[in-house]
Amino acid sequence: MSISGFCGHVSPFDAVVKSPYFSKFFMSIDTVHKADNGYSENVHGLSEDQLAARQVEVIDIASAATDYWSYIVGRNNVDLSNFQSARCGRGPLLEGWQDHCSPVMTAYKLVTVDAPYWGFGSRLEQALMAGEGSLFLESHRNCFAWIDEWFGLTVEVLRELERQSDYSLNMSLGRPCSAESWMIQEESPFEGEKSIA
């Protein structure tokens, strides 16, 4: 079993992944967001045994480092050391930015992978951990780089975007939508555009 704690700067959130083809496989991602600069110790409340098995990896969204998984996940070409938000003035993220930014938030992610299969289980666990690290890095980099697109949006607008994304994803995957009753054409909160609501 592999346990890694990732902390990256940018409400608890949990995800569990299982596979019908590998019944013993298990992967979970637990996230805690804290308004700190990444120096909290045991935000997930792990036991002594879990702490001993945990590997901590700090992910700096301003880092220009890339690896194999960065190319697979997709790389954002925005240089955050030169980027500054036009809407809120945040940025650029220069060396040591975590200790000098205000406000700052850390997403503490605990990834647990268990692939108890002889011969390839440990390699699968290592590959998934590396892939998750790159996914976290790129998604949090994008969150900051796209700040001018979301900064200042109301909760209602965010919920509408969430519903549209959920509907679009379900339709593209051929899944029935869980809330088909809200699928009527109505005015979007975005400058009079039509949307699925």
C-alpha atoms as a PDB file:
ATOM      1  CA  MET A   1       0.000   0.000   0.000  1.00  0.00           C
ATOM      2  CA  SER A   2       1.217   3.493  -0.832  1.00  0.00           C
ATOM      3  CA  ILE A   3       0.230   6.588   1.102  1.00  0.00           C
ATOM      4  CA  SER A   4       1.337  10.010  -0.046  1.00  0.00           C
ATOM      5  CA  GLY A   5       0.520  13.422   1.303  1.00  0.00           C
ATOM      6  CA  PHE A   6       0.627  16.194  -1.257  1.00  0.00           C
ATOM      7  CA  CYS A   7       0.315  19.802  -0.294  1.00  0.00           C
ATOM      8  CA  GLY A   8      -0.163  22.389  -2.970  1.00  0.00           C
ATOM      9  CA  HIS A   9      -0.921  26.076  -2.662  1.00  0.00           C
ATOM     10  CA  VAL A  10      -3.941  27.655  -4.210  1.00  0.00           C
ATOM     11  CA  SER A  11     -14.100  22.182   2.616  1.00  0.00           C
ATOM     12  CA  PRO A  12     -12.991  18.735   2.758  1.00  0.00           C
ATOM     13  CA  PHE A  13     -13.359  16.664  -0.397  1.00  0.00           C
ATOM     14  CA  ASP A  14     -13.079  12.903  -0.746  1.00  0.00           C
ATOM     15  CA  ALA A  15     -12.897  10.621  -3.780  1.00  0.00           C
ATOM     16  CA  VAL A  16     -12.706   6.839  -3.944  1.00  0.00           C
ATOM     17  CA  VAL A  17     -11.743   4.945  -7.097  1.00  0.00           C
ATOM     18  CA  LYS A  18     -12.445   1.244  -7.542  1.00  0.00           C
ATOM     19  CA  SER A  19     -12.258  -1.006 -10.594  1.00  0.00           C
ATOM     20  CA  PRO A  20     -14.691  -3.799 -11.489  1.00  0.00           C
ATOM     21  CA  TYR A  21     -11.818  -5.598 -13.247  1.00  0.00           C
ATOM     22  CA  PHE A  22      -9.496  -5.520 -10.225  1.00  0.00           C
ATOM     23  CA  SER A  23     -11.731  -6.145  -7.226  1.00  0.00           C
ATOM     24  CA  LYS A  24      -8.930  -5.736  -4.657  1.00  0.00           C
ATOM     25  CA  PHE A  25      -7.730  -2.405  -6.088  1.00  0.00           C
ATOM     26  CA  PHE A  26      -8.486   0.682  -4.013  1.00  0.00           C
ATOM     27  CA  MET A  27      -7.523   4.322  -4.361  1.00  0.00           C
ATOM     28  CA  SER A  28      -8.770   7.248  -2.309  1.00  0.00           C
ATOM     29  CA  ILE A  29      -8.029  10.951  -2.398  1.00  0.00           C
ATOM     30  CA  ASP A  30      -8.900  13.008   0.672  1.00  0.00           C
ATOM     31  CA  THR A  31      -8.502  16.778   0.513  1.00  0.00           C
ATOM     32  CA  VAL A  32      -8.453  19.369   3.266  1.00  0.00           C
ATOM     33  CA  HIS A  33      -8.060  23.059   2.442  1.00  0.00           C
ATOM     34  CA  LYS A  34      -6.438  25.292   5.055  1.00  0.00           C
ATOM     35  CA  ALA A  35      -5.708  28.996   5.006  1.00  0.00           C
ATOM     36  CA  ASP A  36      -2.025  28.473   5.748  1.00  0.00           C
ATOM     37  CA  ASN A  37       1.256  28.278   3.861  1.00  0.00           C
ATOM     38  CA  GLY A  38       1.656  24.491   3.875  1.00  0.00           C
ATOM     39  CA  TYR A  39       3.290  23.900   7.241  1.00  0.00           C
ATOM     40  CA  SER A  40       0.473  22.110   9.084  1.00  0.00           C
ATOM     41  CA  GLU A  41       1.516  18.638  10.150  1.00  0.00           C
ATOM     42  CA  ASN A  42      -1.279  16.064  10.418  1.00  0.00           C
ATOM     43  CA  VAL A  43      -4.380  17.726   8.944  1.00  0.00           C
ATOM     44  CA  HIS A  44      -5.889  14.343   7.988  1.00  0.00           C
ATOM     45  CA  GLY A  45      -5.644  12.947  11.534  1.00  0.00           C
ATOM     46  CA  LEU A  46      -3.514   9.943  10.578  1.00  0.00           C
ATOM     47  CA  SER A  47      -2.483   7.270  13.049  1.00  0.00           C
ATOM     48  CA  GLU A  48       1.175   6.716  13.982  1.00  0.00           C
ATOM     49  CA  ASP A  49       1.388   3.758  11.559  1.00  0.00           C
ATOM     50  CA  GLN A  50      -0.107   5.800   8.713  1.00  0.00           C
ATOM     51  CA  LEU A  51       2.257   8.692   9.455  1.00  0.00           C
ATOM     52  CA  ALA A  52       5.210   6.305   9.311  1.00  0.00           C
ATOM     53  CA  ALA A  53       4.091   5.018   5.881  1.00  0.00           C
ATOM     54  CA  ARG A  54       3.222   8.466   4.488  1.00  0.00           C
ATOM     55  CA  GLN A  55       5.520  10.188   2.025  1.00  0.00           C
ATOM     56  CA  VAL A  56       5.069  13.958   1.887  1.00  0.00           C
ATOM     57  CA  GLU A  57       5.542  15.761  -1.386  1.00  0.00           C
ATOM     58  CA  VAL A  58       5.263  19.543  -1.562  1.00  0.00           C
ATOM     59  CA  ILE A  59       3.904  20.785  -4.857  1.00  0.00           C
ATOM     60  CA  ASP A  60       4.819  24.357  -5.776  1.00  0.00           C
ATOM     61  CA  ILE A  61       2.518  25.669  -8.510  1.00  0.00           C
ATOM     62  CA  ALA A  62       5.113  28.298  -9.466  1.00  0.00           C
ATOM     63  CA  SER A  63       7.691  25.606 -10.226  1.00  0.00           C
ATOM     64  CA  ALA A  64       8.662  25.207 -13.874  1.00  0.00           C
ATOM     65  CA  ALA A  65       9.761  21.589 -13.314  1.00  0.00           C
ATOM     66  CA  THR A  66       8.228  18.992 -15.609  1.00  0.00           C
ATOM     67  CA  ASP A  67       8.287  15.237 -15.784  1.00  0.00           C
ATOM     68  CA  TYR A  68       6.839  12.511 -17.983  1.00  0.00           C
ATOM     69  CA  TRP A  69       3.415  12.783 -16.347  1.00  0.00           C
ATOM     70  CA  SER A  70       3.252  16.551 -16.926  1.00  0.00           C
ATOM     71  CA  TYR A  71       3.179  15.898 -20.648  1.00  0.00           C
ATOM     72  CA  ILE A  72       0.537  13.181 -20.284  1.00  0.00           C
ATOM     73  CA  VAL A  73      -1.696  15.341 -18.071  1.00  0.00           C
ATOM     74  CA  GLY A  74      -1.159  18.444 -20.202  1.00  0.00           C
ATOM     75  CA  ARG A  75       1.079  21.371 -19.377  1.00  0.00           C
ATOM     76  CA  ASN A  76      -0.059  24.954 -18.868  1.00  0.00           C
ATOM     77  CA  ASN A  77       2.406  27.315 -20.549  1.00  0.00           C
ATOM     78  CA  VAL A  78       1.713  30.284 -18.273  1.00  0.00           C
ATOM     79  CA  ASP A  79       4.851  31.413 -16.434  1.00  0.00           C
ATOM     80  CA  LEU A  80       3.488  32.183 -12.964  1.00  0.00           C
ATOM     81  CA  SER A  81       6.684  34.046 -12.053  1.00  0.00           C
ATOM     82  CA  ASN A  82       5.602  36.695 -14.613  1.00  0.00           C
ATOM     83  CA  PHE A  83       1.814  36.381 -14.298  1.00  0.00           C
ATOM     84  CA  GLN A  84      -0.292  38.951 -12.461  1.00  0.00           C
ATOM     85  CA  SER A  85      -4.070  38.931 -12.287  1.00  0.00           C
ATOM     86  CA  ALA A  86      -5.737  41.942 -13.873  1.00  0.00           C
ATOM     87  CA  ARG A  87      -8.850  41.521 -11.702  1.00  0.00           C
ATOM     88  CA  CYS A  88      -7.383  41.034  -8.237  1.00  0.00           C
ATOM     89  CA  GLY A  89      -3.686  41.881  -8.568  1.00  0.00           C
ATOM     90  CA  ARG A  90      -2.419  38.521  -7.287  1.00  0.00           C
ATOM     91  CA  GLY A  91       0.951  37.414  -8.581  1.00  0.00           C
ATOM     92  CA  PRO A  92       3.593  37.150  -9.745  1.00  0.00           C
ATOM     93  CA  LEU A  93       4.642  34.047  -7.811  1.00  0.00           C
ATOM     94  CA  LEU A  94       8.336  34.622  -7.171  1.00  0.00           C
ATOM     95  CA  GLU A  95      10.663  32.318  -5.225  1.00  0.00           C
ATOM     96  CA  GLY A  96       9.423  31.959  -1.632  1.00  0.00           C
ATOM     97  CA  TRP A  97       5.960  33.246  -2.555  1.00  0.00           C
ATOM     98  CA  GLN A  98       4.259  30.855  -0.118  1.00  0.00           C
ATOM     99  CA  ASP A  99       5.724  32.748   2.844  1.00  0.00           C
ATOM    100  CA  HIS A 100       4.846  36.215   1.531  1.00  0.00           C
ATOM    101  CA  CYS A 101       1.396  35.880  -0.075  1.00  0.00           C
ATOM    102  CA  SER A 102      -1.803  36.973   1.559  1.00  0.00           C
ATOM    103  CA  PRO A 103      -4.271  35.417   1.235  1.00  0.00           C
ATOM    104  CA  VAL A 104      -2.811  31.956   0.694  1.00  0.00           C
ATOM    105  CA  MET A 105      -4.425  28.524   0.849  1.00  0.00           C
ATOM    106  CA  THR A 106      -2.975  25.035   0.895  1.00  0.00           C
ATOM    107  CA  ALA A 107      -4.792  21.992  -0.452  1.00  0.00           C
ATOM    108  CA  TYR A 108      -3.605  19.033   1.636  1.00  0.00           C
ATOM    109  CA  LYS A 109      -4.271  15.896  -0.404  1.00  0.00           C
ATOM    110  CA  LEU A 110      -3.909  12.422   1.018  1.00  0.00           C
ATOM    111  CA  VAL A 111      -3.705   9.763  -1.687  1.00  0.00           C
ATOM    112  CA  THR A 112      -3.967   6.128  -0.634  1.00  0.00           C
ATOM    113  CA  VAL A 113      -3.449   3.425  -3.249  1.00  0.00           C
ATOM    114  CA  ASP A 114      -3.654  -0.293  -2.587  1.00  0.00           C
ATOM    115  CA  ALA A 115      -3.016  -2.639  -5.521  1.00  0.00           C
ATOM    116  CA  PRO A 116      -2.328  -5.990  -3.838  1.00  0.00           C
ATOM    117  CA  TYR A 117      -1.342  -7.850  -6.985  1.00  0.00           C
ATOM    118  CA  TRP A 118       1.848  -9.871  -7.137  1.00  0.00           C
ATOM    119  CA  GLY A 119       4.237  -8.826  -9.880  1.00  0.00           C
ATOM    120  CA  PHE A 120       2.810  -5.450 -10.865  1.00  0.00           C
ATOM    121  CA  GLY A 121       0.974  -4.013  -7.850  1.00  0.00           C
ATOM    122  CA  SER A 122       3.815  -1.896  -6.494  1.00  0.00           C
ATOM    123  CA  ARG A 123       4.649  -0.523  -9.955  1.00  0.00           C
ATOM    124  CA  LEU A 124       1.000   0.379 -10.492  1.00  0.00           C
ATOM    125  CA  GLU A 125       0.947   2.153  -7.120  1.00  0.00           C
ATOM    126  CA  GLN A 126       4.104   4.126  -7.982  1.00  0.00           C
ATOM    127  CA  ALA A 127       2.776   5.113 -11.413  1.00  0.00           C
ATOM    128  CA  LEU A 128      -0.551   6.264  -9.973  1.00  0.00           C
ATOM    129  CA  MET A 129       1.190   8.323  -7.274  1.00  0.00           C
ATOM    130  CA  ALA A 130       3.394  10.028  -9.856  1.00  0.00           C
ATOM    131  CA  GLY A 131       0.414  10.689 -12.113  1.00  0.00           C
ATOM    132  CA  GLU A 132      -1.658  12.121  -9.264  1.00  0.00           C
ATOM    133  CA  GLY A 133       1.181  14.476  -8.303  1.00  0.00           C
ATOM    134  CA  SER A 134       1.345  15.851 -11.855  1.00  0.00           C
ATOM    135  CA  LEU A 135      -2.436  16.107 -12.062  1.00  0.00           C
ATOM    136  CA  PHE A 136      -2.537  18.079  -8.800  1.00  0.00           C
ATOM    137  CA  LEU A 137       0.275  20.366  -9.955  1.00  0.00           C
ATOM    138  CA  GLU A 138      -1.315  21.139 -13.319  1.00  0.00           C
ATOM    139  CA  SER A 139      -4.872  21.567 -12.042  1.00  0.00           C
ATOM    140  CA  HIS A 140      -3.777  23.948  -9.266  1.00  0.00           C
ATOM    141  CA  ARG A 141      -1.509  25.858 -11.686  1.00  0.00           C
ATOM    142  CA  ASN A 142      -4.516  26.281 -13.976  1.00  0.00           C
ATOM    143  CA  CYS A 143      -6.699  27.383 -11.087  1.00  0.00           C
ATOM    144  CA  PHE A 144      -4.286  30.253 -10.407  1.00  0.00           C
ATOM    145  CA  ALA A 145      -3.507  31.041 -14.063  1.00  0.00           C
ATOM    146  CA  TRP A 146      -7.231  31.302 -14.877  1.00  0.00           C
ATOM    147  CA  ILE A 147      -8.035  33.450 -11.833  1.00  0.00           C
ATOM    148  CA  ASP A 148      -9.370  36.307 -13.965  1.00  0.00           C
ATOM    149  CA  GLU A 149     -12.038  33.963 -15.352  1.00  0.00           C
ATOM    150  CA  TRP A 150     -13.454  32.939 -11.966  1.00  0.00           C
ATOM    151  CA  PHE A 151     -12.479  35.601  -9.422  1.00  0.00           C
ATOM    152  CA  GLY A 152     -15.565  37.374  -8.074  1.00  0.00           C
ATOM    153  CA  LEU A 153     -18.150  34.916  -9.437  1.00  0.00           C
ATOM    154  CA  THR A 154     -21.154  34.387  -7.185  1.00  0.00           C
ATOM    155  CA  VAL A 155     -22.071  31.020  -5.695  1.00  0.00           C
ATOM    156  CA  GLU A 156     -25.120  30.907  -7.976  1.00  0.00           C
ATOM    157  CA  VAL A 157     -22.970  31.325 -11.099  1.00  0.00           C
ATOM    158  CA  LEU A 158     -20.531  28.665  -9.863  1.00  0.00           C
ATOM    159  CA  ARG A 159     -23.411  26.233  -9.239  1.00  0.00           C
ATOM    160  CA  GLU A 160     -24.691  26.885 -12.772  1.00  0.00           C
ATOM    161  CA  LEU A 161     -21.228  26.149 -14.200  1.00  0.00           C
ATOM    162  CA  GLU A 162     -21.116  22.987 -12.094  1.00  0.00           C
ATOM    163  CA  ARG A 163     -24.504  21.830 -13.445  1.00  0.00           C
ATOM    164  CA  GLN A 164     -23.484  22.562 -17.033  1.00  0.00           C
ATOM    165  CA  SER A 165     -20.208  20.674 -16.620  1.00  0.00           C
ATOM    166  CA  ASP A 166     -21.957  17.711 -14.993  1.00  0.00           C
ATOM    167  CA  TYR A 167     -24.539  17.559 -17.759  1.00  0.00           C
ATOM    168  CA  SER A 168     -21.941  17.882 -20.553  1.00  0.00           C
ATOM    169  CA  LEU A 169     -19.706  15.203 -19.047  1.00  0.00           C
ATOM    170  CA  ASN A 170     -22.601  12.793 -18.536  1.00  0.00           C
ATOM    171  CA  MET A 171     -23.837  13.354 -22.091  1.00  0.00           C
ATOM    172  CA  SER A 172     -20.375  12.802 -23.584  1.00  0.00           C
ATOM    173  CA  LEU A 173     -19.983   9.594 -21.565  1.00  0.00           C
ATOM    174  CA  GLY A 174     -23.454   8.415 -22.546  1.00  0.00           C
ATOM    175  CA  ARG A 175     -24.681   8.412 -18.974  1.00  0.00           C
ATOM    176  CA  PRO A 176     -28.149   9.535 -17.967  1.00  0.00           C
ATOM    177  CA  CYS A 177     -28.156  12.846 -16.151  1.00  0.00           C
ATOM    178  CA  SER A 178     -29.026  12.541 -12.465  1.00  0.00           C
ATOM    179  CA  ALA A 179     -31.267  15.607 -12.541  1.00  0.00           C
ATOM    180  CA  GLU A 180     -32.958  15.608 -15.939  1.00  0.00           C
ATOM    181  CA  SER A 181     -35.722  17.830 -14.560  1.00  0.00           C
ATOM    182  CA  TRP A 182     -33.466  20.898 -14.605  1.00  0.00           C
ATOM    183  CA  MET A 183     -32.582  20.447 -18.281  1.00  0.00           C
ATOM    184  CA  ILE A 184     -34.595  23.322 -19.707  1.00  0.00           C
ATOM    185  CA  GLN A 185     -33.375  26.213 -21.780  1.00  0.00           C
ATOM    186  CA  GLU A 186     -33.172  29.387 -19.752  1.00  0.00           C
ATOM    187  CA  GLU A 187     -31.150  32.526 -19.578  1.00  0.00           C
ATOM    188  CA  SER A 188     -27.575  31.987 -18.432  1.00  0.00           C
ATOM    189  CA  PRO A 189     -26.093  34.238 -15.752  1.00  0.00           C
ATOM    190  CA  PHE A 190     -23.419  35.014 -18.374  1.00  0.00           C
ATOM    191  CA  GLU A 191     -24.399  38.096 -20.391  1.00  0.00           C
ATOM    192  CA  GLY A 192     -27.711  36.815 -21.774  1.00  0.00           C
ATOM    193  CA  GLU A 193     -26.342  33.605 -23.344  1.00  0.00           C
ATOM    194  CA  LYS A 194     -28.597  30.572 -23.575  1.00  0.00           C
ATOM    195  CA  SER A 195     -27.582  27.632 -21.407  1.00  0.00           C
ATOM    196  CA  ILE A 196     -28.774  24.333 -20.036  1.00  0.00           C
ATOM    197  CA  ALA A 197     -29.986  24.954 -16.498  1.00  0.00           C
END
